[in-house]
Protein backbone atom coordinates (compact mmCIF):
# COMPACT_ATOMS: atom_id res chain seq x y z
CA UNK A 1 0.00 0.00 0.00
CA UNK A 2 2.80 2.44 0.78
CA UNK A 3 4.42 1.87 -2.60
CA UNK A 4 1.14 2.71 -4.38
CA UNK A 5 0.70 5.79 -2.20
CA UNK A 6 4.17 7.02 -3.08
CA UNK A 7 3.62 6.49 -6.79
CA UNK A 8 0.22 8.17 -6.78
CA UNK A 9 1.60 11.08 -4.72
CA UNK A 10 4.44 11.58 -7.18
CA UNK A 11 1.99 11.54 -10.08
CA UNK A 12 -0.34 14.01 -8.37
CA UNK A 13 2.58 16.30 -7.53
CA UNK A 14 3.88 16.14 -11.10
CA UNK A 15 0.43 16.84 -12.54
CA UNK A 16 -0.03 19.78 -10.14
CA UNK A 17 3.35 21.22 -11.10
CA UNK A 18 2.66 20.82 -14.80
CA UNK A 19 -0.74 22.49 -14.38
CA UNK A 20 0.78 25.46 -12.56
CA UNK A 21 3.53 25.81 -15.17
CA UNK A 22 0.95 25.55 -18.00
CA UNK A 23 -1.36 28.20 -16.53
CA UNK A 24 1.46 30.59 -15.61
CA UNK A 25 3.20 30.34 -18.99
CA UNK A 26 0.02 30.71 -21.03
CA UNK A 27 -1.22 33.62 -18.92
CA UNK A 28 2.09 35.34 -19.54
CA UNK A 29 1.58 34.88 -23.29
CA UNK A 30 -1.34 37.27 -23.07
CA UNK A 31 1.01 40.14 -22.25
CA UNK A 32 3.93 38.98 -24.43
CA UNK A 33 4.22 37.84 -28.02
CA UNK A 34 5.07 34.25 -27.07
CA UNK A 35 3.31 31.33 -28.69
CA UNK A 36 0.73 29.27 -26.86
CA UNK A 37 2.12 25.94 -25.58
CA UNK A 38 0.06 22.82 -25.08
CA UNK A 39 -0.15 20.93 -21.80
CA UNK A 40 1.75 18.00 -23.29
CA UNK A 41 4.84 20.19 -23.68
CA UNK A 42 4.96 20.55 -19.88
CA UNK A 43 4.09 16.94 -19.03
CA UNK A 44 5.02 14.63 -21.83
CA UNK A 45 5.30 10.85 -21.46
CA UNK A 46 7.03 10.54 -24.82
CA UNK A 47 10.11 12.26 -26.15
CA UNK A 48 13.72 11.98 -25.17
CA UNK A 49 14.58 10.62 -21.74
CA UNK A 50 16.57 13.74 -20.87
CA UNK A 51 13.67 16.08 -21.68
CA UNK A 52 11.23 13.86 -19.78
CA UNK A 53 13.47 13.82 -16.69
CA UNK A 54 14.01 17.59 -16.81
CA UNK A 55 10.28 18.25 -17.12
CA UNK A 56 9.55 15.80 -14.31
CA UNK A 57 12.08 17.48 -12.01
CA UNK A 58 10.67 20.93 -12.74
CA UNK A 59 7.10 19.74 -12.27
CA UNK A 60 7.92 18.16 -8.90
CA UNK A 61 9.71 21.30 -7.74
CA UNK A 62 6.94 23.68 -8.82
CA UNK A 63 4.24 21.34 -7.51
CA UNK A 64 5.94 21.09 -4.12
CA UNK A 65 6.33 24.85 -3.85
CA UNK A 66 2.72 25.45 -4.86
CA UNK A 67 1.38 22.80 -2.50
CA UNK A 68 3.48 24.14 0.39
CA UNK A 69 2.32 27.71 -0.27
CA UNK A 70 -1.29 26.55 -0.48
CA UNK A 71 -1.09 24.68 2.84
CA UNK A 72 0.64 27.69 4.45
CA UNK A 73 -2.13 30.01 3.26
CA UNK A 74 -4.80 27.60 4.51
CA UNK A 75 -3.22 27.51 7.96
CA UNK A 76 -2.61 31.27 8.01
CA UNK A 77 -6.15 32.31 7.05
CA UNK A 78 -7.97 29.68 9.12
CA UNK A 79 -6.41 30.49 12.48
């Protein structure tokens, strides 16, 4: 059970990080002349192994920061 919990937690964290990166990047395209990027460019199961690992690392980092900030704000505003 613990192994499945770890795997599902990693997947949720990666999906959360990719979602935050997707929303932030595409909202910034409204004020810049950048091109719109699809969600699969932030979380892609195919492609080179190096690109997949780099995206996974970034998604975990951003997801962890976002989740920590969200929990901090929940604690701060509910006390």
